[in-house]
Amino acid sequence: MEHTDQNYLAGEKLGTLMKKYALPCIISLLVGALYNIVDQIFIANAEYLGSYGNAANTVVFPLTVIALAIAVMIGDGCCAFVSLSHGRNRPQDAQKSVGNAVSMSVISGILLTAVYFIFNEPIIALFGGTVNEETFRCAKEYFLWITAGIPFYMFGQAMNPVIRADGSPKFAMISTLSGAVINIILDPVFIFVFRMGMKGAAIATVMGQIVTAVLAVFYLCRTKTVSLTKTDFLPDKNIIRNTLSLGICSFLSQISLVAAMTAINNMIRKYGSEDMIFGQPQYAQIPMAVVGIIMKFFQIVISIVVGMAAGCIPIVGFNMGAGLKERVKKLFGMLLLAESIVGAVSLIIVEVFPKQLINIFGAANESRYYTDFAVKGFRIYLCMIIFACVNKAAFIFLQAMGKAAASTMLSMVREIVFGVGFAVILPIFFGLDGILYSMPVSDILTAIISAAVIFNTYKELSCDKIYVRDTATEQ
């Protein structure tokens, strides 16, 4: 039985709360990430697809992230707003936010699907799909079928944090896990048994997304802390504004990845053509395929990082709304420490075991140029991953505190100014290697800015401490 007593968030030990809320969130995000990653693993290990399929998957990946960005803006914003509303004892606002989140996710999913179907070829070209003819063909086939599942994907992803905010993190985890299991089962069947290629990988993904969406609908008919009525689904300007303002950081953290990947893919296409090895048609897709693989590993790490931070959103939101700043401060310290440990473990893996990582993605079927570039890519691109983890945690924690402006500013600087800027500038001087250097340089500079913000946040949380009772600060 899940806890529904609001005092639970104000009185339970923070370590217990982190485990309860963060672990299911981490698993949900990891499972969500597996959709694209599993596709790429099976595609890469199919000899008739290989690095062409890998490169095509890399081209389409940012397009699925656009859908995810819109979904998490709605879902995370609603999650934060619901928690703040309960902390302020305003259940009607929480109820309306959930209803409006449902409406927004359905409408936005349909609109994005229409755009993708109408402009599929120009969009694929924009994201680097014209690196060679075979990559373009694979990308178009994969993208068209993935587009069919966009409404289900967006609805399921948007409702996941809403379900967590309603006090059911385990159900949120199970709904996402169920869809991923379907995808994992069907992928090898469609790719290896029926040899359906990119189309088979996409259909397996869409079927899993449908399962997750159906389970979300099932839960919404049985919510715990809100009782939805027809009027709650009608658009409310104030509710929508508050919900989206709290979710804008989540949106920017995802959409900025799209901007960075667009810049990176196009820089790979441009400077790869000037490279002595990768300028040859038979090897042209390798840099794009490799960077896509590196990003998939990074996505796994970031899923853990974001899961820990996002799992704290209901805890932070309620305690901020209730004025329990000392608890929020302690939680912030615990989160930063945990994120640093995740970053350190990840760093050891990419520096010591890069060959083992690329073997998972079919390196055995590729040339030595593929392996050499992949090893170098992992070791350079992710060498500052500890900073990346801490930065991401700080962004989301500020969002949960209701500091949307500060969170948005940091996210914009990291992902747009640094992420896109260095991806475009550094290759001018270092060629393909400049693309690899863009990530660590961006993370170092962002960490310097984040340190100042973290210090000021600690200082603010040290003022005007409010204690409800002894158990509120007992650790």
Protein backbone atom coordinates (compact mmCIF):
# COMPACT_ATOMS: atom_id res chain seq x y z
CA MET A 1 0.00 0.00 0.00
CA GLU A 2 1.43 3.39 -1.08
CA HIS A 3 1.62 6.23 1.43
CA THR A 4 -0.94 8.97 0.76
CA ASP A 5 -0.54 10.88 4.03
CA GLN A 6 1.00 14.26 3.16
CA ASN A 7 2.92 14.34 6.45
CA TYR A 8 4.91 11.38 5.16
CA LEU A 9 6.87 13.65 2.81
CA ALA A 10 7.51 16.12 5.63
CA GLY A 11 8.44 13.63 8.34
CA GLU A 12 10.02 10.52 6.85
CA LYS A 13 13.81 10.21 6.67
CA LEU A 14 15.22 11.66 3.48
CA GLY A 15 17.21 8.54 2.63
CA THR A 16 14.04 6.46 2.80
CA LEU A 17 12.16 8.94 0.62
CA MET A 18 14.94 9.01 -1.98
CA LYS A 19 14.87 5.22 -2.27
CA LYS A 20 11.09 5.12 -2.48
CA TYR A 21 10.71 7.80 -5.15
CA ALA A 22 14.03 7.85 -7.01
CA LEU A 23 14.54 4.13 -7.63
CA PRO A 24 11.28 3.56 -9.57
CA CYS A 25 11.94 6.79 -11.47
CA ILE A 26 15.44 5.63 -12.43
CA ILE A 27 14.12 2.28 -13.60
CA SER A 28 11.32 3.96 -15.56
CA LEU A 29 13.74 6.27 -17.36
CA LEU A 30 16.25 3.49 -18.00
CA VAL A 31 13.53 1.34 -19.45
CA GLY A 32 12.32 4.27 -21.55
CA ALA A 33 15.86 4.77 -22.85
CA LEU A 34 16.05 1.09 -23.73
CA TYR A 35 13.49 1.53 -26.53
CA ASN A 36 15.99 3.26 -28.81
CA ILE A 37 19.07 1.54 -27.38
CA VAL A 38 17.68 -1.97 -27.82
CA ASP A 39 16.71 -1.14 -31.39
CA GLN A 40 20.26 0.00 -32.10
CA ILE A 41 21.85 -3.08 -30.50
CA PHE A 42 19.81 -5.50 -32.60
CA ILE A 43 20.17 -3.35 -35.73
CA ALA A 44 23.95 -3.16 -35.29
CA ASN A 45 24.26 -6.92 -34.89
CA ALA A 46 22.22 -7.66 -38.02
CA GLU A 47 24.82 -8.08 -40.79
CA TYR A 48 22.43 -6.86 -43.47
CA LEU A 49 21.99 -3.53 -41.59
CA GLY A 50 25.25 -2.94 -39.67
CA SER A 51 26.71 0.55 -39.45
CA TYR A 52 24.22 1.87 -42.05
CA GLY A 53 21.36 0.95 -39.72
CA ASN A 54 23.35 2.31 -36.79
CA ALA A 55 23.83 5.65 -38.54
CA ALA A 56 20.14 5.74 -39.52
CA ASN A 57 19.16 5.15 -35.90
CA THR A 58 21.43 8.05 -34.91
CA VAL A 59 19.67 10.30 -37.44
CA VAL A 60 16.19 9.45 -36.13
CA PHE A 61 17.15 9.53 -32.44
CA PRO A 62 16.92 13.35 -32.07
CA LEU A 63 13.48 13.27 -33.67
CA THR A 64 12.19 10.95 -30.95
CA VAL A 65 13.82 13.24 -28.38
CA ILE A 66 11.73 16.15 -29.68
CA ALA A 67 8.62 14.15 -28.82
CA LEU A 68 10.11 13.24 -25.44
CA ALA A 69 10.99 16.89 -24.75
CA ILE A 70 7.39 18.01 -25.19
CA ALA A 71 6.11 15.06 -23.14
CA VAL A 72 8.45 15.60 -20.17
CA MET A 73 7.74 19.34 -20.17
CA ILE A 74 4.09 18.52 -19.65
CA GLY A 75 4.65 15.58 -17.30
CA ASP A 76 7.47 16.95 -15.12
CA GLY A 77 5.79 20.35 -14.95
CA CYS A 78 2.56 18.74 -13.83
CA CYS A 79 4.46 16.57 -11.31
CA ALA A 80 6.14 19.62 -9.75
CA PHE A 81 2.93 21.68 -9.75
CA VAL A 82 0.89 18.86 -8.18
CA SER A 83 3.46 18.44 -5.39
CA LEU A 84 3.63 22.19 -4.72
CA SER A 85 -0.18 22.40 -4.72
CA HIS A 86 -0.50 19.60 -2.16
CA GLY A 87 2.18 21.24 -0.01
CA ARG A 88 0.13 24.46 -0.07
CA ASN A 89 -3.08 22.52 0.61
CA ARG A 90 -4.64 23.39 -2.76
CA PRO A 91 -5.90 20.03 -4.09
CA GLN A 92 -8.16 21.60 -6.74
CA ASP A 93 -5.15 23.11 -8.53
CA ALA A 94 -3.45 19.72 -8.50
CA GLN A 95 -6.54 18.09 -9.97
CA LYS A 96 -6.83 20.63 -12.79
CA SER A 97 -3.13 20.33 -13.59
CA VAL A 98 -3.46 16.57 -14.15
CA GLY A 99 -6.53 17.00 -16.39
CA ASN A 100 -4.83 19.70 -18.45
CA ALA A 101 -1.65 17.60 -18.73
CA VAL A 102 -3.68 14.77 -20.27
CA SER A 103 -5.26 17.11 -22.81
CA MET A 104 -1.97 18.78 -23.72
CA SER A 105 -0.14 15.47 -24.24
CA VAL A 106 -2.86 14.09 -26.55
CA ILE A 107 -3.14 17.25 -28.67
CA SER A 108 0.61 17.81 -28.97
CA GLY A 109 1.17 14.15 -29.90
CA ILE A 110 -1.29 14.32 -32.78
CA LEU A 111 0.14 17.61 -34.08
CA LEU A 112 3.76 16.41 -34.00
CA THR A 113 2.81 13.20 -35.80
CA ALA A 114 1.18 15.21 -38.58
CA VAL A 115 4.30 17.37 -38.99
CA TYR A 116 6.58 14.31 -39.14
CA PHE A 117 4.46 12.54 -41.75
CA ILE A 118 4.15 15.60 -43.99
CA PHE A 119 7.80 16.72 -43.88
CA ASN A 120 9.62 13.41 -43.34
CA GLU A 121 12.29 13.71 -46.08
CA PRO A 122 13.35 17.33 -45.36
CA ILE A 123 13.47 16.52 -41.64
CA ILE A 124 15.70 13.47 -42.19
CA ALA A 125 18.02 15.56 -44.38
CA LEU A 126 18.15 18.30 -41.72
CA PHE A 127 19.40 15.80 -39.14
CA GLY A 128 22.24 14.50 -41.30
CA GLY A 129 20.52 11.58 -43.02
CA THR A 130 22.07 12.34 -46.41
CA VAL A 131 25.56 11.19 -45.37
CA ASN A 132 25.11 8.46 -48.02
CA GLU A 133 22.25 6.86 -49.95
CA GLU A 134 21.88 3.67 -47.89
CA THR A 135 21.80 5.57 -44.59
CA PHE A 136 19.05 7.84 -45.97
CA ARG A 137 16.98 4.84 -47.08
CA CYS A 138 17.29 3.13 -43.69
CA ALA A 139 16.53 6.35 -41.81
CA LYS A 140 13.38 7.05 -43.86
CA GLU A 141 12.03 3.54 -43.36
CA TYR A 142 12.67 3.63 -39.60
CA PHE A 143 11.35 7.17 -39.17
CA LEU A 144 8.02 6.60 -40.95
CA TRP A 145 7.09 3.70 -38.68
CA ILE A 146 8.39 5.39 -35.51
CA THR A 147 6.21 8.40 -36.36
CA ALA A 148 3.10 6.20 -36.21
CA GLY A 149 3.78 5.59 -32.53
CA ILE A 150 4.51 9.19 -31.52
CA PRO A 151 1.07 9.91 -29.94
CA PHE A 152 1.32 6.77 -27.77
CA TYR A 153 4.95 7.49 -26.86
CA MET A 154 4.26 11.08 -25.83
CA PHE A 155 1.17 10.19 -23.81
CA GLY A 156 2.94 7.40 -21.92
CA GLN A 157 6.02 9.52 -21.18
CA ALA A 158 3.95 12.54 -20.07
CA MET A 159 1.79 10.49 -17.72
CA ASN A 160 4.74 8.69 -16.11
CA PRO A 161 5.76 11.58 -13.80
CA VAL A 162 2.09 12.42 -13.21
CA ILE A 163 1.54 8.89 -11.90
CA ARG A 164 4.61 9.28 -9.65
CA ALA A 165 3.26 12.56 -8.30
CA ASP A 166 -0.01 10.78 -7.49
CA GLY A 167 1.95 8.52 -5.13
CA SER A 168 2.40 5.47 -7.35
CA PRO A 169 6.03 5.37 -8.50
CA LYS A 170 5.93 1.57 -8.73
CA PHE A 171 3.03 1.58 -11.18
CA ALA A 172 4.84 4.22 -13.27
CA MET A 173 7.84 1.92 -13.38
CA ILE A 174 5.80 -1.17 -14.27
CA SER A 175 3.93 0.57 -17.09
CA THR A 176 7.17 1.66 -18.77
CA LEU A 177 8.85 -1.70 -18.10
CA SER A 178 5.97 -3.58 -19.71
CA GLY A 179 6.33 -1.65 -22.95
CA ALA A 180 10.09 -2.15 -23.03
CA VAL A 181 9.77 -5.91 -22.47
CA ILE A 182 7.42 -6.12 -25.46
CA ASN A 183 9.99 -4.22 -27.55
CA ILE A 184 12.88 -6.45 -26.41
CA ILE A 185 10.92 -9.61 -27.25
CA LEU A 186 9.72 -8.46 -30.68
CA ASP A 187 12.94 -6.78 -31.89
CA PRO A 188 14.94 -9.99 -32.54
CA VAL A 189 11.85 -11.71 -33.95
CA PHE A 190 11.18 -8.98 -36.51
CA ILE A 191 14.86 -8.25 -37.33
CA PHE A 192 16.43 -11.73 -37.38
CA VAL A 193 13.54 -14.17 -37.93
CA PHE A 194 11.36 -12.20 -40.36
CA ARG A 195 14.23 -9.98 -41.58
CA MET A 196 12.01 -6.89 -41.57
CA GLY A 197 15.00 -4.60 -41.08
CA MET A 198 14.48 -1.04 -39.86
CA LYS A 199 10.73 -1.40 -40.28
CA GLY A 200 10.68 -4.37 -37.90
CA ALA A 201 12.69 -2.53 -35.25
CA ALA A 202 10.32 0.43 -35.43
CA ILE A 203 7.14 -1.68 -35.27
CA ALA A 204 8.46 -3.51 -32.19
CA THR A 205 9.08 -0.15 -30.53
CA VAL A 206 5.63 1.21 -31.37
CA MET A 207 3.88 -1.89 -30.01
CA GLY A 208 5.69 -1.45 -26.70
CA GLN A 209 4.72 2.22 -26.58
CA ILE A 210 1.06 1.34 -27.10
CA VAL A 211 1.17 -1.00 -24.08
CA THR A 212 2.63 1.75 -21.87
CA ALA A 213 -0.01 4.25 -23.03
CA VAL A 214 -2.86 1.82 -22.35
CA LEU A 215 -1.60 1.19 -18.81
CA ALA A 216 -1.42 4.96 -18.22
CA VAL A 217 -5.08 5.31 -19.24
CA PHE A 218 -5.94 2.45 -16.88
CA TYR A 219 -4.24 4.27 -13.99
CA LEU A 220 -5.87 7.62 -14.70
CA CYS A 221 -9.24 5.97 -14.12
CA ARG A 222 -8.05 5.00 -10.61
CA THR A 223 -6.00 7.96 -9.33
CA LYS A 224 -5.33 8.30 -5.59
CA THR A 225 -4.87 11.95 -4.62
CA VAL A 226 -7.00 13.53 -7.37
CA SER A 227 -10.49 12.77 -8.66
CA LEU A 228 -10.66 13.86 -12.28
CA THR A 229 -13.87 15.31 -13.72
CA LYS A 230 -14.73 16.36 -17.29
CA THR A 231 -14.09 20.04 -16.51
CA ASP A 232 -10.52 19.28 -15.41
CA PHE A 233 -9.61 18.43 -19.00
CA LEU A 234 -10.73 21.85 -20.30
CA PRO A 235 -7.76 24.18 -20.93
CA ASP A 236 -7.09 26.59 -18.07
CA LYS A 237 -4.66 29.40 -18.96
CA ASN A 238 -3.23 29.82 -15.47
CA ILE A 239 -2.82 26.10 -14.86
CA ILE A 240 -1.17 25.55 -18.24
CA ARG A 241 1.19 28.49 -17.70
CA ASN A 242 2.24 27.29 -14.25
CA THR A 243 2.61 23.69 -15.39
CA LEU A 244 4.70 24.49 -18.45
CA SER A 245 6.87 27.03 -16.63
CA LEU A 246 7.85 24.35 -14.11
CA GLY A 247 8.49 21.86 -16.89
CA ILE A 248 10.41 24.15 -19.23
CA CYS A 249 13.78 23.03 -17.85
CA SER A 250 12.97 19.41 -18.65
CA PHE A 251 11.95 20.51 -22.13
CA LEU A 252 15.11 22.50 -22.70
CA SER A 253 17.37 19.74 -21.39
CA GLN A 254 15.90 17.43 -24.00
CA ILE A 255 15.36 19.84 -26.91
CA SER A 256 18.85 21.23 -26.48
CA LEU A 257 20.13 17.69 -27.01
CA VAL A 258 18.28 17.80 -30.31
CA ALA A 259 19.99 21.07 -31.23
CA ALA A 260 23.38 19.64 -30.27
CA MET A 261 22.78 16.39 -32.18
CA THR A 262 21.66 18.35 -35.24
CA ALA A 263 24.84 20.40 -35.14
CA ILE A 264 26.98 17.33 -34.47
CA ASN A 265 25.40 15.23 -37.24
CA ASN A 266 25.86 18.01 -39.77
CA MET A 267 29.43 18.68 -38.65
CA ILE A 268 30.14 14.96 -38.99
CA ARG A 269 28.76 15.01 -42.52
CA LYS A 270 30.80 18.10 -43.42
CA TYR A 271 34.17 17.30 -41.81
CA GLY A 272 33.87 13.56 -42.30
CA SER A 273 33.83 14.14 -46.05
CA GLU A 274 37.20 15.93 -45.69
CA ASP A 275 38.77 13.10 -43.69
CA MET A 276 41.23 10.81 -45.49
CA ILE A 277 39.44 7.65 -44.26
CA PHE A 278 35.84 8.68 -43.63
CA GLY A 279 35.70 10.71 -46.82
CA GLN A 280 35.45 7.38 -48.65
CA PRO A 281 31.79 6.39 -49.40
CA GLN A 282 32.05 2.94 -47.79
CA TYR A 283 33.20 4.46 -44.47
CA ALA A 284 31.21 7.74 -44.52
CA GLN A 285 28.56 6.51 -42.07
CA ILE A 286 31.04 5.34 -39.40
CA PRO A 287 31.55 8.61 -37.44
CA MET A 288 27.78 9.18 -37.25
CA ALA A 289 27.16 5.60 -36.14
CA VAL A 290 29.89 5.83 -33.48
CA VAL A 291 28.71 9.15 -32.04
CA GLY A 292 25.21 7.66 -31.88
CA ILE A 293 26.53 4.73 -29.84
CA ILE A 294 28.38 7.04 -27.45
CA MET A 295 25.21 9.07 -27.00
CA LYS A 296 23.28 5.89 -26.20
CA PHE A 297 25.68 5.04 -23.36
CA PHE A 298 25.47 8.63 -22.17
CA GLN A 299 21.68 8.34 -22.29
CA ILE A 300 21.85 5.37 -19.92
CA VAL A 301 23.98 7.35 -17.44
CA ILE A 302 21.78 10.43 -17.73
CA SER A 303 18.67 8.30 -17.19
CA ILE A 304 20.10 7.31 -13.80
CA VAL A 305 21.10 10.89 -13.03
CA VAL A 306 17.79 12.42 -14.09
CA GLY A 307 15.89 9.60 -12.41
CA MET A 308 17.50 10.35 -9.06
CA ALA A 309 16.84 14.07 -9.41
CA ALA A 310 13.34 13.77 -10.88
CA GLY A 311 12.41 11.23 -8.21
CA CYS A 312 13.10 13.95 -5.66
CA ILE A 313 10.69 16.41 -7.30
CA PRO A 314 7.62 15.44 -5.18
CA ILE A 315 9.76 15.50 -2.01
CA VAL A 316 11.33 18.88 -2.80
CA GLY A 317 8.08 20.40 -4.04
CA PHE A 318 6.10 19.42 -0.95
CA ASN A 319 8.78 20.49 1.54
CA MET A 320 9.35 23.81 -0.24
CA GLY A 321 5.61 24.43 -0.28
CA ALA A 322 5.47 23.60 3.44
CA GLY A 323 8.47 25.85 4.23
CA LEU A 324 10.80 23.04 5.34
CA LYS A 325 13.97 24.48 3.82
CA GLU A 326 16.42 22.59 6.04
CA ARG A 327 15.12 19.28 4.71
CA VAL A 328 15.42 20.54 1.14
CA LYS A 329 19.02 21.61 1.80
CA LYS A 330 19.98 18.21 3.19
CA LEU A 331 18.31 16.45 0.28
CA PHE A 332 20.26 18.62 -2.18
CA GLY A 333 23.55 17.59 -0.58
CA MET A 334 22.62 13.91 -0.64
CA LEU A 335 21.60 14.14 -4.29
CA LEU A 336 24.81 15.87 -5.42
CA LEU A 337 26.92 13.24 -3.68
CA ALA A 338 24.96 10.39 -5.25
CA GLU A 339 25.19 11.95 -8.72
CA SER A 340 28.98 12.38 -8.33
CA ILE A 341 29.34 8.68 -7.54
CA VAL A 342 27.35 7.73 -10.65
CA GLY A 343 29.59 9.99 -12.73
CA ALA A 344 32.78 8.50 -11.27
CA VAL A 345 31.69 4.92 -11.98
CA SER A 346 30.68 5.88 -15.52
CA LEU A 347 34.04 7.55 -16.11
CA ILE A 348 35.90 4.37 -15.13
CA ILE A 349 33.77 2.32 -17.54
CA VAL A 350 34.31 4.56 -20.59
CA GLU A 351 38.02 4.97 -19.99
CA VAL A 352 38.84 1.35 -19.16
CA PHE A 353 36.28 -0.69 -21.15
CA PRO A 354 35.49 1.19 -24.40
CA LYS A 355 36.09 -1.87 -26.61
CA GLN A 356 33.68 -3.96 -24.58
CA LEU A 357 31.05 -1.24 -24.95
CA ILE A 358 31.33 -1.00 -28.73
CA ASN A 359 31.27 -4.80 -29.09
CA ILE A 360 27.71 -4.69 -27.74
CA PHE A 361 26.83 -2.54 -30.75
CA GLY A 362 28.18 -4.90 -33.43
CA ALA A 363 31.81 -3.78 -33.70
CA ALA A 364 32.85 -7.33 -34.58
CA ASN A 365 31.15 -6.94 -37.96
CA GLU A 366 32.89 -3.64 -38.78
CA SER A 367 36.30 -2.43 -39.96
CA ARG A 368 39.18 -1.45 -37.67
CA TYR A 369 38.46 2.20 -38.53
CA TYR A 370 35.12 1.79 -36.78
CA THR A 371 36.74 0.33 -33.65
CA ASP A 372 39.59 2.85 -33.48
CA PHE A 373 37.30 5.87 -33.85
CA ALA A 374 34.83 4.45 -31.31
CA VAL A 375 37.51 3.88 -28.64
CA LYS A 376 38.85 7.40 -29.10
CA GLY A 377 35.32 8.78 -29.10
CA PHE A 378 34.32 7.21 -25.79
CA ARG A 379 37.50 8.30 -24.04
CA ILE A 380 37.40 11.91 -25.21
CA TYR A 381 33.68 12.71 -25.49
CA LEU A 382 32.78 11.45 -22.00
CA CYS A 383 35.97 12.29 -20.08
CA MET A 384 34.13 14.97 -18.01
CA ILE A 385 31.01 12.92 -17.38
CA ILE A 386 31.18 13.56 -13.61
CA PHE A 387 30.57 17.26 -14.23
CA ALA A 388 27.75 16.40 -16.62
CA CYS A 389 26.01 14.38 -13.90
CA VAL A 390 26.31 17.07 -11.22
CA ASN A 391 25.20 19.79 -13.64
CA LYS A 392 22.07 17.88 -14.63
CA ALA A 393 21.14 17.22 -10.99
CA ALA A 394 21.46 20.92 -10.13
CA PHE A 395 19.22 21.93 -13.05
CA ILE A 396 16.40 19.58 -12.07
CA PHE A 397 16.64 20.31 -8.33
CA LEU A 398 16.23 24.03 -8.98
CA GLN A 399 13.20 23.23 -11.14
CA ALA A 400 11.67 21.20 -8.30
CA MET A 401 12.21 24.14 -5.92
CA GLY A 402 10.08 26.29 -8.22
CA LYS A 403 13.12 28.21 -9.55
CA ALA A 404 12.21 27.75 -13.20
CA ALA A 405 14.14 30.85 -14.38
CA ALA A 406 17.48 29.82 -12.84
CA SER A 407 17.06 26.23 -13.97
CA THR A 408 16.18 27.30 -17.50
CA MET A 409 19.11 29.70 -17.70
CA LEU A 410 21.62 27.05 -16.70
CA SER A 411 20.16 24.51 -19.09
CA MET A 412 20.19 27.00 -21.97
CA VAL A 413 23.82 27.96 -21.34
CA ARG A 414 24.96 24.33 -21.17
CA GLU A 415 23.03 22.85 -24.03
CA ILE A 416 22.55 25.68 -26.50
CA VAL A 417 25.37 28.19 -25.95
CA PHE A 418 28.10 25.67 -25.10
CA GLY A 419 26.74 22.41 -26.52
CA VAL A 420 25.84 23.73 -29.96
CA GLY A 421 28.46 26.49 -30.03
CA PHE A 422 31.49 24.29 -29.41
CA ALA A 423 30.14 21.52 -31.66
CA VAL A 424 30.19 24.06 -34.51
CA ILE A 425 33.38 25.99 -33.64
CA LEU A 426 35.87 23.31 -32.52
CA PRO A 427 35.68 21.19 -35.71
CA ILE A 428 36.92 24.22 -37.64
CA PHE A 429 40.27 23.81 -35.85
CA PHE A 430 40.35 20.09 -35.01
CA GLY A 431 38.19 18.43 -37.67
CA LEU A 432 36.24 15.37 -36.48
CA ASP A 433 38.17 15.38 -33.18
CA GLY A 434 36.72 18.83 -32.47
CA ILE A 435 33.27 17.26 -32.26
CA LEU A 436 34.55 14.90 -29.57
CA TYR A 437 36.14 17.75 -27.60
CA SER A 438 32.90 19.79 -27.61
CA MET A 439 31.29 17.73 -24.83
CA PRO A 440 34.02 17.91 -22.12
CA VAL A 441 34.70 21.60 -22.79
CA SER A 442 30.99 22.38 -22.40
CA ASP A 443 30.73 20.40 -19.16
CA ILE A 444 33.78 22.06 -17.57
CA LEU A 445 32.54 25.58 -18.27
CA THR A 446 29.01 24.74 -17.12
CA ALA A 447 30.37 23.24 -13.88
CA ILE A 448 32.04 26.56 -13.05
CA ILE A 449 28.73 28.40 -13.43
CA SER A 450 26.79 25.67 -11.60
CA ALA A 451 29.17 25.87 -8.62
CA ALA A 452 28.14 29.47 -8.03
CA VAL A 453 24.44 28.62 -8.34
CA ILE A 454 24.78 25.64 -5.98
CA PHE A 455 26.56 27.81 -3.41
CA ASN A 456 23.82 30.47 -3.55
CA THR A 457 21.11 27.80 -3.29
CA TYR A 458 22.71 26.37 -0.14
CA LYS A 459 22.96 29.88 1.28
CA GLU A 460 19.30 30.58 0.59
CA LEU A 461 18.16 27.28 2.10
CA SER A 462 20.15 28.06 5.26
CA CYS A 463 17.96 31.10 5.92
CA ASP A 464 14.54 31.19 7.53
CA LYS A 465 14.56 27.56 8.64
CA ILE A 466 11.13 26.27 9.59
CA TYR A 467 10.64 23.19 11.71
CA VAL A 468 7.24 21.51 11.85
CA ARG A 469 8.30 18.95 14.42
CA ASP A 470 11.42 17.10 15.48
CA THR A 471 10.93 14.27 13.00
CA ALA A 472 10.98 16.77 10.14
CA THR A 473 14.72 17.21 10.51
CA GLU A 474 15.63 13.85 11.97
CA GLN A 475 18.11 12.01 9.74
